[in-house]
Amino acid sequence: MGKYRIAACPRRLSNGQFAAQVSIASGRGSASTDRVMRFHDEFSSLDAAASYAIEQGIDWVRD
């Protein structure tokens, strides 16, 4: 999205649910930065966790 690369990084929890995480990267080489945000909500599917993470990443970039 523009100069940012947004990637969902959902992961399975020990209880079978999924946690949402998102990576927001920008720049190249030694001038690159990467922010990873983890969320407390739990989701019943990998797709739901990934969708939530992408939505949150887009909201962060827009702000």
C-alpha atoms as a PDB file:
ATOM      1  CA  MET A   1       0.000   0.000   0.000  1.00  0.00           C
ATOM      2  CA  GLY A   2       1.969   2.987  -1.229  1.00  0.00           C
ATOM      3  CA  LYS A   3       5.456   2.860   0.238  1.00  0.00           C
ATOM      4  CA  TYR A   4       4.427   0.230   2.827  1.00  0.00           C
ATOM      5  CA  ARG A   5       4.395  -3.555   2.559  1.00  0.00           C
ATOM      6  CA  ILE A   6       1.697  -5.080   4.757  1.00  0.00           C
ATOM      7  CA  ALA A   7       1.760  -8.793   5.543  1.00  0.00           C
ATOM      8  CA  ALA A   8      -0.500 -10.809   7.816  1.00  0.00           C
ATOM      9  CA  CYS A   9       1.333 -13.275  10.055  1.00  0.00           C
ATOM     10  CA  PRO A  10      -1.408 -15.249  11.858  1.00  0.00           C
ATOM     11  CA  ARG A  11      -0.342 -18.050  14.177  1.00  0.00           C
ATOM     12  CA  ARG A  12      -2.057 -21.017  15.793  1.00  0.00           C
ATOM     13  CA  LEU A  13      -2.430 -20.911  19.569  1.00  0.00           C
ATOM     14  CA  SER A  14      -2.172 -23.910  21.875  1.00  0.00           C
ATOM     15  CA  ASN A  15      -5.968 -23.878  22.363  1.00  0.00           C
ATOM     16  CA  GLY A  16      -6.590 -24.324  18.599  1.00  0.00           C
ATOM     17  CA  GLN A  17      -7.601 -20.708  18.031  1.00  0.00           C
ATOM     18  CA  PHE A  18      -5.563 -18.240  15.957  1.00  0.00           C
ATOM     19  CA  ALA A  19      -3.855 -14.989  16.895  1.00  0.00           C
ATOM     20  CA  ALA A  20      -3.556 -12.071  14.495  1.00  0.00           C
ATOM     21  CA  GLN A  21      -0.236 -10.361  13.783  1.00  0.00           C
ATOM     22  CA  VAL A  22       0.701  -7.910  11.060  1.00  0.00           C
ATOM     23  CA  SER A  23       4.036  -6.745   9.681  1.00  0.00           C
ATOM     24  CA  ILE A  24       4.287  -3.251   8.185  1.00  0.00           C
ATOM     25  CA  ALA A  25       7.568  -2.648   6.397  1.00  0.00           C
ATOM     26  CA  SER A  26       8.976   0.281   4.468  1.00  0.00           C
ATOM     27  CA  GLY A  27      12.248   1.320   2.890  1.00  0.00           C
ATOM     28  CA  ARG A  28      15.036  -0.772   1.421  1.00  0.00           C
ATOM     29  CA  GLY A  29      18.372  -2.103   2.572  1.00  0.00           C
ATOM     30  CA  SER A  30      19.894  -0.451   5.639  1.00  0.00           C
ATOM     31  CA  ALA A  31      17.161   2.210   5.557  1.00  0.00           C
ATOM     32  CA  SER A  32      14.343  -0.335   6.001  1.00  0.00           C
ATOM     33  CA  THR A  33      12.053  -0.527   8.989  1.00  0.00           C
ATOM     34  CA  ASP A  34       9.572  -3.186  10.016  1.00  0.00           C
ATOM     35  CA  ARG A  35       6.836  -2.821  12.636  1.00  0.00           C
ATOM     36  CA  VAL A  36       5.110  -5.944  13.913  1.00  0.00           C
ATOM     37  CA  MET A  37       1.850  -5.612  15.809  1.00  0.00           C
ATOM     38  CA  ARG A  38       0.268  -8.451  17.781  1.00  0.00           C
ATOM     39  CA  PHE A  39      -3.369  -8.417  18.816  1.00  0.00           C
ATOM     40  CA  HIS A  40      -5.047  -9.985  21.869  1.00  0.00           C
ATOM     41  CA  ASP A  41      -8.199 -11.151  20.082  1.00  0.00           C
ATOM     42  CA  GLU A  42      -8.494 -14.843  19.240  1.00  0.00           C
ATOM     43  CA  PHE A  43     -10.057 -16.115  15.998  1.00  0.00           C
ATOM     44  CA  SER A  44     -11.537 -19.465  15.063  1.00  0.00           C
ATOM     45  CA  SER A  45      -9.865 -19.584  11.636  1.00  0.00           C
ATOM     46  CA  LEU A  46      -6.563 -18.666  10.035  1.00  0.00           C
ATOM     47  CA  ASP A  47      -8.374 -16.596   7.400  1.00  0.00           C
ATOM     48  CA  ALA A  48     -10.273 -14.567  10.000  1.00  0.00           C
ATOM     49  CA  ALA A  49      -7.054 -13.777  11.890  1.00  0.00           C
ATOM     50  CA  ALA A  50      -5.277 -12.818   8.647  1.00  0.00           C
ATOM     51  CA  SER A  51      -8.141 -10.574   7.495  1.00  0.00           C
ATOM     52  CA  TYR A  52      -8.246  -8.778  10.841  1.00  0.00           C
ATOM     53  CA  ALA A  53      -4.469  -8.265  10.767  1.00  0.00           C
ATOM     54  CA  ILE A  54      -4.546  -6.799   7.244  1.00  0.00           C
ATOM     55  CA  GLU A  55      -7.413  -4.455   8.179  1.00  0.00           C
ATOM     56  CA  GLN A  56      -5.488  -3.218  11.212  1.00  0.00           C
ATOM     57  CA  GLY A  57      -2.330  -2.740   9.141  1.00  0.00           C
ATOM     58  CA  ILE A  58      -4.199  -0.694   6.544  1.00  0.00           C
ATOM     59  CA  ASP A  59      -5.781   1.428   9.283  1.00  0.00           C
ATOM     60  CA  TRP A  60      -2.346   2.070  10.809  1.00  0.00           C
ATOM     61  CA  VAL A  61      -0.910   3.154   7.440  1.00  0.00           C
ATOM     62  CA  ARG A  62      -3.852   5.477   6.777  1.00  0.00           C
ATOM     63  CA  ASP A  63      -3.433   7.172  10.160  1.00  0.00           C
END
